[in-house]
C-alpha atoms as a PDB file:
ATOM      1  CA  MET A   1       8.613  21.630   5.119  1.00  0.00           C
ATOM      2  CA  LYS A   2      10.338  18.249   4.605  1.00  0.00           C
ATOM      3  CA  SER A   3      14.163  17.628   5.607  1.00  0.00           C
ATOM      4  CA  LYS A   4      16.196  16.964   2.349  1.00  0.00           C
ATOM      5  CA  VAL A   5      18.485  13.979   2.197  1.00  0.00           C
ATOM      6  CA  VAL A   6      20.366  13.022  -0.891  1.00  0.00           C
ATOM      7  CA  ILE A   7      21.675   9.567  -1.636  1.00  0.00           C
ATOM      8  CA  VAL A   8      24.106   9.339  -4.419  1.00  0.00           C
ATOM      9  CA  ARG A   9      24.872   5.956  -5.661  1.00  0.00           C
ATOM     10  CA  GLY A  10      28.380   4.811  -7.102  1.00  0.00           C
ATOM     11  CA  ASN A  11      31.844   4.334  -6.045  1.00  0.00           C
ATOM     12  CA  ASN A  12      33.898   7.527  -7.126  1.00  0.00           C
ATOM     13  CA  ALA A  13      34.184   9.495  -4.052  1.00  0.00           C
ATOM     14  CA  TYR A  14      34.901  12.714  -5.936  1.00  0.00           C
ATOM     15  CA  SER A  15      31.856  12.575  -8.312  1.00  0.00           C
ATOM     16  CA  MET A  16      29.604  11.352  -5.457  1.00  0.00           C
ATOM     17  CA  VAL A  17      30.685  14.404  -3.179  1.00  0.00           C
ATOM     18  CA  GLN A  18      30.235  16.958  -6.116  1.00  0.00           C
ATOM     19  CA  LYS A  19      26.760  15.476  -7.106  1.00  0.00           C
ATOM     20  CA  GLY A  20      25.472  15.364  -3.404  1.00  0.00           C
ATOM     21  CA  LEU A  21      26.710  18.936  -2.457  1.00  0.00           C
ATOM     22  CA  ASP A  22      25.630  20.325  -5.672  1.00  0.00           C
ATOM     23  CA  GLU A  23      22.157  18.901  -5.134  1.00  0.00           C
ATOM     24  CA  LEU A  24      22.107  20.552  -1.621  1.00  0.00           C
ATOM     25  CA  ASN A  25      23.201  23.596  -2.918  1.00  0.00           C
ATOM     26  CA  ILE A  26      25.168  24.282   0.379  1.00  0.00           C
ATOM     27  CA  ASP A  27      25.961  28.092   1.405  1.00  0.00           C
ATOM     28  CA  ILE A  28      28.937  28.598   3.585  1.00  0.00           C
ATOM     29  CA  ARG A  29      29.067  31.908   5.245  1.00  0.00           C
ATOM     30  CA  GLU A  30      31.420  31.393   7.877  1.00  0.00           C
ATOM     31  CA  ASP A  31      35.219  32.071   7.473  1.00  0.00           C
ATOM     32  CA  ARG A  32      36.362  28.782   8.613  1.00  0.00           C
ATOM     33  CA  VAL A  33      35.188  25.205   7.589  1.00  0.00           C
ATOM     34  CA  VAL A  34      36.018  22.267   9.841  1.00  0.00           C
ATOM     35  CA  VAL A  35      35.764  18.736   8.441  1.00  0.00           C
ATOM     36  CA  LYS A  36      35.493  16.341  11.298  1.00  0.00           C
ATOM     37  CA  PRO A  37      36.066  12.733  10.051  1.00  0.00           C
ATOM     38  CA  ASN A  38      35.636   9.473  12.120  1.00  0.00           C
ATOM     39  CA  LEU A  39      39.271   8.426  13.058  1.00  0.00           C
ATOM     40  CA  ILE A  40      38.218   6.847  16.408  1.00  0.00           C
ATOM     41  CA  ILE A  41      41.239   4.457  15.888  1.00  0.00           C
ATOM     42  CA  ASN A  42      44.120   4.194  13.404  1.00  0.00           C
ATOM     43  CA  GLU A  43      42.370   1.365  11.443  1.00  0.00           C
ATOM     44  CA  PRO A  44      41.315   1.948   7.668  1.00  0.00           C
ATOM     45  CA  TYR A  45      38.135   2.458   5.921  1.00  0.00           C
ATOM     46  CA  PRO A  46      35.433   1.501   6.720  1.00  0.00           C
ATOM     47  CA  THR A  47      36.336   1.469  10.408  1.00  0.00           C
ATOM     48  CA  THR A  48      37.205   4.984   9.940  1.00  0.00           C
ATOM     49  CA  THR A  49      36.522   7.843   7.368  1.00  0.00           C
ATOM     50  CA  SER A  50      38.611   7.357   4.092  1.00  0.00           C
ATOM     51  CA  PRO A  51      41.084  10.129   3.278  1.00  0.00           C
ATOM     52  CA  GLU A  52      39.838   9.817  -0.317  1.00  0.00           C
ATOM     53  CA  THR A  53      36.341  11.111   0.771  1.00  0.00           C
ATOM     54  CA  VAL A  54      37.766  13.970   2.890  1.00  0.00           C
ATOM     55  CA  GLU A  55      40.014  14.774  -0.124  1.00  0.00           C
ATOM     56  CA  ALA A  56      36.967  15.038  -2.182  1.00  0.00           C
ATOM     57  CA  LEU A  57      35.460  17.367   0.143  1.00  0.00           C
ATOM     58  CA  VAL A  58      38.342  19.563   0.298  1.00  0.00           C
ATOM     59  CA  LYS A  59      38.544  19.816  -3.420  1.00  0.00           C
ATOM     60  CA  TYR A  60      34.808  20.766  -3.425  1.00  0.00           C
ATOM     61  CA  LEU A  61      35.065  23.245  -0.565  1.00  0.00           C
ATOM     62  CA  ARG A  62      38.087  25.191  -1.812  1.00  0.00           C
ATOM     63  CA  LYS A  63      35.866  27.129  -4.390  1.00  0.00           C
ATOM     64  CA  PHE A  64      34.339  28.980  -1.219  1.00  0.00           C
ATOM     65  CA  GLY A  65      37.564  30.529  -0.519  1.00  0.00           C
ATOM     66  CA  LYS A  66      37.442  29.786   3.288  1.00  0.00           C
ATOM     67  CA  GLU A  67      40.007  28.252   5.556  1.00  0.00           C
ATOM     68  CA  ILE A  68      39.779  24.401   5.778  1.00  0.00           C
ATOM     69  CA  ILE A  69      40.615  22.525   8.947  1.00  0.00           C
ATOM     70  CA  ILE A  70      40.516  18.644   9.519  1.00  0.00           C
ATOM     71  CA  ALA A  71      39.859  18.106  13.106  1.00  0.00           C
ATOM     72  CA  GLU A  72      39.347  14.945  15.194  1.00  0.00           C
ATOM     73  CA  GLY A  73      39.764  13.700  18.871  1.00  0.00           C
ATOM     74  CA  SER A  74      40.514   9.979  18.539  1.00  0.00           C
ATOM     75  CA  GLY A  75      39.071   7.685  21.250  1.00  0.00           C
ATOM     76  CA  TRP A  76      41.119   4.529  20.816  1.00  0.00           C
ATOM     77  CA  CYS A  77      44.461   5.885  19.871  1.00  0.00           C
ATOM     78  CA  GLU A  78      46.385   9.231  19.785  1.00  0.00           C
ATOM     79  CA  THR A  79      44.948  11.381  17.303  1.00  0.00           C
ATOM     80  CA  TRP A  80      48.228  12.202  15.645  1.00  0.00           C
ATOM     81  CA  GLU A  81      48.812   8.509  15.180  1.00  0.00           C
ATOM     82  CA  ALA A  82      45.589   8.189  13.262  1.00  0.00           C
ATOM     83  CA  PHE A  83      46.524  11.164  11.221  1.00  0.00           C
ATOM     84  CA  ARG A  84      49.819   9.648  10.279  1.00  0.00           C
ATOM     85  CA  ASP A  85      48.697   5.961   9.690  1.00  0.00           C
ATOM     86  CA  LEU A  86      45.551   6.963   7.860  1.00  0.00           C
ATOM     87  CA  GLY A  87      47.144   9.456   5.396  1.00  0.00           C
ATOM     88  CA  TYR A  88      45.653  12.709   6.794  1.00  0.00           C
ATOM     89  CA  ILE A  89      49.094  14.277   7.503  1.00  0.00           C
ATOM     90  CA  ASP A  90      50.018  13.619   3.669  1.00  0.00           C
ATOM     91  CA  LEU A  91      46.459  15.011   2.704  1.00  0.00           C
ATOM     92  CA  ALA A  92      47.123  18.098   4.702  1.00  0.00           C
ATOM     93  CA  LYS A  93      50.493  18.502   3.294  1.00  0.00           C
ATOM     94  CA  LYS A  94      49.222  18.329  -0.315  1.00  0.00           C
ATOM     95  CA  TYR A  95      46.531  20.994   0.243  1.00  0.00           C
ATOM     96  CA  GLY A  96      48.214  23.019   2.724  1.00  0.00           C
ATOM     97  CA  LEU A  97      45.577  22.275   5.484  1.00  0.00           C
ATOM     98  CA  LYS A  98      45.876  22.569   9.192  1.00  0.00           C
ATOM     99  CA  LEU A  99      45.221  19.424  11.282  1.00  0.00           C
ATOM    100  CA  VAL A 100      43.866  19.873  14.968  1.00  0.00           C
ATOM    101  CA  ASP A 101      43.742  17.155  17.719  1.00  0.00           C
ATOM    102  CA  LEU A 102      40.609  18.185  19.419  1.00  0.00           C
ATOM    103  CA  ASN A 103      41.421  16.240  22.546  1.00  0.00           C
ATOM    104  CA  ARG A 104      44.086  18.708  23.231  1.00  0.00           C
ATOM    105  CA  ASP A 105      42.485  22.061  21.877  1.00  0.00           C
ATOM    106  CA  ARG A 106      41.781  24.866  23.893  1.00  0.00           C
ATOM    107  CA  TYR A 107      38.080  25.179  24.868  1.00  0.00           C
ATOM    108  CA  GLU A 108      35.354  27.396  26.603  1.00  0.00           C
ATOM    109  CA  VAL A 109      32.771  25.791  29.012  1.00  0.00           C
ATOM    110  CA  ARG A 110      29.430  26.122  27.739  1.00  0.00           C
ATOM    111  CA  LYS A 111      26.140  25.299  29.944  1.00  0.00           C
ATOM    112  CA  ARG A 112      22.633  24.270  28.914  1.00  0.00           C
ATOM    113  CA  LEU A 113      19.875  23.574  31.414  1.00  0.00           C
ATOM    114  CA  ASP A 114      17.903  21.685  28.749  1.00  0.00           C
ATOM    115  CA  ALA A 115      20.703  19.144  28.173  1.00  0.00           C
ATOM    116  CA  LEU A 116      19.831  15.760  28.760  1.00  0.00           C
ATOM    117  CA  THR A 117      22.856  14.487  30.870  1.00  0.00           C
ATOM    118  CA  LEU A 118      25.754  17.067  30.036  1.00  0.00           C
ATOM    119  CA  LYS A 119      24.706  20.200  31.796  1.00  0.00           C
ATOM    120  CA  LYS A 120      28.303  21.434  31.255  1.00  0.00           C
ATOM    121  CA  PHE A 121      30.288  21.029  28.030  1.00  0.00           C
ATOM    122  CA  GLU A 122      33.906  22.074  27.049  1.00  0.00           C
ATOM    123  CA  LEU A 123      33.536  23.213  23.488  1.00  0.00           C
ATOM    124  CA  PRO A 124      36.759  23.093  21.434  1.00  0.00           C
ATOM    125  CA  ILE A 125      37.680  26.466  20.299  1.00  0.00           C
ATOM    126  CA  THR A 126      38.609  25.295  16.701  1.00  0.00           C
ATOM    127  CA  LEU A 127      34.873  24.461  16.157  1.00  0.00           C
ATOM    128  CA  LYS A 128      33.647  27.819  17.453  1.00  0.00           C
ATOM    129  CA  ASN A 129      32.000  30.044  14.869  1.00  0.00           C
ATOM    130  CA  SER A 130      32.900  27.308  12.098  1.00  0.00           C
ATOM    131  CA  TYR A 131      30.916  25.576   9.205  1.00  0.00           C
ATOM    132  CA  LEU A 132      31.138  22.170  10.723  1.00  0.00           C
ATOM    133  CA  ILE A 133      30.924  19.150   8.679  1.00  0.00           C
ATOM    134  CA  SER A 134      30.495  15.694  10.151  1.00  0.00           C
ATOM    135  CA  ALA A 135      32.223  13.214   7.565  1.00  0.00           C
ATOM    136  CA  ALA A 136      31.198   9.889   9.053  1.00  0.00           C
ATOM    137  CA  VAL A 137      30.982   6.247   7.974  1.00  0.00           C
ATOM    138  CA  LEU A 138      27.921   4.024   7.423  1.00  0.00           C
ATOM    139  CA  LYS A 139      28.455   1.786  10.350  1.00  0.00           C
ATOM    140  CA  THR A 140      26.706  -0.436  13.011  1.00  0.00           C
ATOM    141  CA  HIS A 141      27.348  -0.143  16.724  1.00  0.00           C
ATOM    142  CA  SER A 142      27.194  -2.557  19.569  1.00  0.00           C
ATOM    143  CA  LEU A 143      25.339  -0.260  21.887  1.00  0.00           C
ATOM    144  CA  THR A 144      23.438   2.236  19.716  1.00  0.00           C
ATOM    145  CA  GLY A 145      22.697   0.122  16.699  1.00  0.00           C
ATOM    146  CA  VAL A 146      24.243   2.660  14.130  1.00  0.00           C
ATOM    147  CA  THR A 147      27.031   5.103  14.451  1.00  0.00           C
ATOM    148  CA  LEU A 148      26.667   7.806  11.964  1.00  0.00           C
ATOM    149  CA  SER A 149      26.982  11.505  11.654  1.00  0.00           C
ATOM    150  CA  LEU A 150      25.691  12.362  14.993  1.00  0.00           C
ATOM    151  CA  LYS A 151      27.612  10.003  17.026  1.00  0.00           C
ATOM    152  CA  ASN A 152      30.614  10.825  15.072  1.00  0.00           C
ATOM    153  CA  MET A 153      30.531  14.301  16.917  1.00  0.00           C
ATOM    154  CA  MET A 154      31.536  12.360  20.107  1.00  0.00           C
ATOM    155  CA  GLY A 155      35.151  12.681  18.758  1.00  0.00           C
ATOM    156  CA  ALA A 156      34.674  16.373  18.535  1.00  0.00           C
ATOM    157  CA  THR A 157      35.100  16.765  22.154  1.00  0.00           C
ATOM    158  CA  ILE A 158      37.948  17.589  24.594  1.00  0.00           C
ATOM    159  CA  GLY A 159      39.898  14.516  25.951  1.00  0.00           C
ATOM    160  CA  GLU A 160      40.983  13.591  29.287  1.00  0.00           C
ATOM    161  CA  GLU A 161      44.508  13.359  30.661  1.00  0.00           C
ATOM    162  CA  ILE A 162      44.254   9.767  31.951  1.00  0.00           C
ATOM    163  CA  GLU A 163      44.182   7.223  29.217  1.00  0.00           C
ATOM    164  CA  VAL A 164      43.841   7.952  25.626  1.00  0.00           C
ATOM    165  CA  ALA A 165      40.966  10.561  25.226  1.00  0.00           C
ATOM    166  CA  LYS A 166      38.704   8.455  27.609  1.00  0.00           C
ATOM    167  CA  LYS A 167      35.576   9.057  25.433  1.00  0.00           C
ATOM    168  CA  ARG A 168      34.089   6.291  27.356  1.00  0.00           C
ATOM    169  CA  ARG A 169      33.058   8.904  30.004  1.00  0.00           C
ATOM    170  CA  PHE A 170      30.141   9.348  27.705  1.00  0.00           C
ATOM    171  CA  HIS A 171      28.987   6.052  27.655  1.00  0.00           C
ATOM    172  CA  ARG A 172      27.201   6.299  31.151  1.00  0.00           C
ATOM    173  CA  ARG A 173      24.247   7.635  29.163  1.00  0.00           C
ATOM    174  CA  LEU A 174      25.386   7.174  25.697  1.00  0.00           C
ATOM    175  CA  ASP A 175      22.260   8.032  23.886  1.00  0.00           C
ATOM    176  CA  GLU A 176      21.815  11.325  25.855  1.00  0.00           C
ATOM    177  CA  SER A 177      25.309  12.040  25.477  1.00  0.00           C
ATOM    178  CA  ILE A 178      25.188  11.888  21.587  1.00  0.00           C
ATOM    179  CA  VAL A 179      22.232  14.145  21.617  1.00  0.00           C
ATOM    180  CA  ASP A 180      23.655  16.724  24.042  1.00  0.00           C
ATOM    181  CA  ILE A 181      26.975  16.910  22.222  1.00  0.00           C
ATOM    182  CA  ASN A 182      25.067  17.975  18.930  1.00  0.00           C
ATOM    183  CA  LEU A 183      22.986  20.463  21.073  1.00  0.00           C
ATOM    184  CA  TYR A 184      26.240  22.161  21.835  1.00  0.00           C
ATOM    185  CA  LEU A 185      27.804  21.759  18.504  1.00  0.00           C
ATOM    186  CA  LYS A 186      25.032  21.624  15.979  1.00  0.00           C
ATOM    187  CA  PRO A 187      26.952  20.768  12.722  1.00  0.00           C
ATOM    188  CA  ASN A 188      25.911  22.257   9.519  1.00  0.00           C
ATOM    189  CA  LEU A 189      26.302  19.193   7.101  1.00  0.00           C
ATOM    190  CA  ALA A 190      26.302  15.424   7.282  1.00  0.00           C
ATOM    191  CA  VAL A 191      28.300  13.489   4.959  1.00  0.00           C
ATOM    192  CA  ILE A 192      28.040   9.630   5.543  1.00  0.00           C
ATOM    193  CA  ASP A 193      30.410   7.611   3.219  1.00  0.00           C
ATOM    194  CA  GLY A 194      28.760   4.235   2.575  1.00  0.00           C
ATOM    195  CA  ARG A 195      30.465   3.108  -0.267  1.00  0.00           C
ATOM    196  CA  LYS A 196      31.509   0.417   1.969  1.00  0.00           C
ATOM    197  CA  ALA A 197      29.668  -0.146   5.230  1.00  0.00           C
ATOM    198  CA  CYS A 198      31.363  -1.413   8.450  1.00  0.00           C
ATOM    199  CA  ILE A 199      28.981  -4.132   9.666  1.00  0.00           C
ATOM    200  CA  GLY A 200      28.988  -6.077  12.900  1.00  0.00           C
ATOM    201  CA  GLY A 201      31.203  -3.866  15.131  1.00  0.00           C
ATOM    202  CA  GLU A 202      32.261  -0.284  15.143  1.00  0.00           C
ATOM    203  CA  LEU A 203      36.024  -1.336  15.520  1.00  0.00           C
ATOM    204  CA  GLY A 204      36.410  -4.524  13.881  1.00  0.00           C
ATOM    205  CA  GLY A 205      33.349  -4.895  11.581  1.00  0.00           C
ATOM    206  CA  ILE A 206      33.194  -6.630   8.256  1.00  0.00           C
ATOM    207  CA  ALA A 207      33.251  -4.404   5.132  1.00  0.00           C
ATOM    208  CA  LYS A 208      30.234  -4.640   2.892  1.00  0.00           C
ATOM    209  CA  GLU A 209      29.899  -3.021  -0.442  1.00  0.00           C
ATOM    210  CA  MET A 210      26.921  -0.609  -0.493  1.00  0.00           C
ATOM    211  CA  GLY A 211      27.791   1.879  -3.010  1.00  0.00           C
ATOM    212  CA  VAL A 212      26.228   4.906  -1.437  1.00  0.00           C
ATOM    213  CA  MET A 213      26.989   8.313   0.000  1.00  0.00           C
ATOM    214  CA  ILE A 214      24.460  10.260   2.118  1.00  0.00           C
ATOM    215  CA  PHE A 215      24.333  14.201   2.265  1.00  0.00           C
ATOM    216  CA  SER A 216      22.060  16.422   4.240  1.00  0.00           C
ATOM    217  CA  ASN A 217      21.938  19.547   6.320  1.00  0.00           C
ATOM    218  CA  ASP A 218      19.764  17.714   8.889  1.00  0.00           C
ATOM    219  CA  LEU A 219      22.041  15.301  10.619  1.00  0.00           C
ATOM    220  CA  VAL A 220      19.064  13.371  12.396  1.00  0.00           C
ATOM    221  CA  ALA A 221      17.469  13.064   8.953  1.00  0.00           C
ATOM    222  CA  ALA A 222      20.656  11.647   7.453  1.00  0.00           C
ATOM    223  CA  ASP A 223      21.179   9.049  10.185  1.00  0.00           C
ATOM    224  CA  THR A 224      17.712   8.075   9.994  1.00  0.00           C
ATOM    225  CA  VAL A 225      18.121   7.211   6.180  1.00  0.00           C
ATOM    226  CA  GLY A 226      21.539   5.567   6.804  1.00  0.00           C
ATOM    227  CA  ALA A 227      19.999   3.343   9.600  1.00  0.00           C
ATOM    228  CA  LYS A 228      17.173   2.469   7.295  1.00  0.00           C
ATOM    229  CA  LEU A 229      19.832   1.477   4.494  1.00  0.00           C
ATOM    230  CA  LEU A 230      21.770  -0.624   7.262  1.00  0.00           C
ATOM    231  CA  GLY A 231      18.487  -2.561   7.811  1.00  0.00           C
ATOM    232  CA  PHE A 232      17.303  -1.023  11.130  1.00  0.00           C
ATOM    233  CA  ASP A 233      13.843   0.599  11.888  1.00  0.00           C
ATOM    234  CA  PRO A 234      14.937   4.173  12.468  1.00  0.00           C
ATOM    235  CA  MET A 235      12.372   4.547  15.336  1.00  0.00           C
ATOM    236  CA  ASN A 236      14.122   1.749  17.126  1.00  0.00           C
ATOM    237  CA  ILE A 237      17.261   3.755  17.358  1.00  0.00           C
ATOM    238  CA  ARG A 238      17.004   5.637  20.683  1.00  0.00           C
ATOM    239  CA  TYR A 239      19.373   8.351  20.049  1.00  0.00           C
ATOM    240  CA  LEU A 240      17.530   9.377  17.058  1.00  0.00           C
ATOM    241  CA  LYS A 241      14.219   9.681  18.838  1.00  0.00           C
ATOM    242  CA  LEU A 242      15.716  11.822  21.602  1.00  0.00           C
ATOM    243  CA  ALA A 243      17.382  13.893  18.865  1.00  0.00           C
ATOM    244  CA  GLN A 244      14.156  14.480  17.195  1.00  0.00           C
ATOM    245  CA  ALA A 245      12.385  15.432  20.636  1.00  0.00           C
ATOM    246  CA  LYS A 246      15.132  17.946  21.317  1.00  0.00           C
ATOM    247  CA  GLY A 247      14.567  19.683  17.795  1.00  0.00           C
ATOM    248  CA  LEU A 248      17.849  18.825  16.218  1.00  0.00           C
ATOM    249  CA  GLY A 249      16.160  17.284  13.059  1.00  0.00           C
ATOM    250  CA  THR A 250      13.593  14.756  11.856  1.00  0.00           C
ATOM    251  CA  ALA A 251      13.573  10.922  12.500  1.00  0.00           C
ATOM    252  CA  ASP A 252      10.386  10.305  10.700  1.00  0.00           C
ATOM    253  CA  LEU A 253      10.745   8.861   7.209  1.00  0.00           C
ATOM    254  CA  GLU A 254       7.582  10.112   6.040  1.00  0.00           C
ATOM    255  CA  LYS A 255       8.917  13.687   6.864  1.00  0.00           C
ATOM    256  CA  ILE A 256      12.158  13.356   4.822  1.00  0.00           C
ATOM    257  CA  ASP A 257      12.415  14.181   1.285  1.00  0.00           C
ATOM    258  CA  VAL A 258      14.858  11.591  -0.219  1.00  0.00           C
ATOM    259  CA  ILE A 259      16.546  12.282  -3.374  1.00  0.00           C
ATOM    260  CA  GLU A 260      18.514   9.463  -5.262  1.00  0.00           C
ATOM    261  CA  LEU A 261      21.167  10.446  -7.649  1.00  0.00           C
ATOM    262  CA  ARG A 262      23.734   8.287  -9.924  1.00  0.00           C
END
C-alpha cells in the first residue's frame, strides 16, 4: 500500500490546513495532542514555524476535544525567548494552551539496541503517549540538504545545562541521530509549511514564495516530497535513505501517492 502525501496549494494557512487534514482524515485516539513547531531560534517565518500555521492547526484540532500542547526545545536561544518573540505566548493565552520547554522537561530513559547511534535516549515526558505533530518549515540545510519534518524532531529532545540546549551533540553523526530520534518518538503527523521556503541556510536563508503545505502520516514520505519540491533528488538525502531502511516510512517517490489540492 502506498504512503499518502497531500500537497495543498495556496497561501491561506487555515484553509490549507483544513483541506490537508480533511483529505488525510486523521484519527486521534490519544488524550493529548502535542504540536511541535520548529523554533530553533527566535527569528520569524520561514526560518521558524509561523504561529499562523500553528493557530490553524489548533483551530482544526479543537473539534477532537483533546488537550493541546505546544512544545519545543530551541537550539540557538532560550525556548521561552522564542515563544515570546515569535508570538506563541500570545497564541497560548488566546486558546488556553499549555507551552512546554522540552529542553527542561522531565524525562525517562529509553534504550534501543537497533538504534544507529543513540543507544540511549531521554524521552520528554510531555511527548509520552501523545498524538505528536511535527509542524515544520520547508527549508534547506547546510549539512543534510533539507530540514523538514524528521529533522524538526531534534528539537523534541532534552537540552543540556552547558550552553543553550546544546543540540550540537547530535551533529557528530547527524543523519543517524535524526533517524534514531524519530525511532524513539515516532510522530503521528507531518505538516510542512511551504507557503514560503527558507533557501540557502537553516538559520539565515532567503524566503522564497512556494505556496504549498505538505501533509502526511508518513514523515519520511512527507520529507521525500518536500525535498523534491526544493529541487533535490530525495535518494541523495542520506537521512531519508536511512529512515526508509529502518522502517520509518518510504523515501521512494514511486511508492508515494501524492494528492494535490487547491
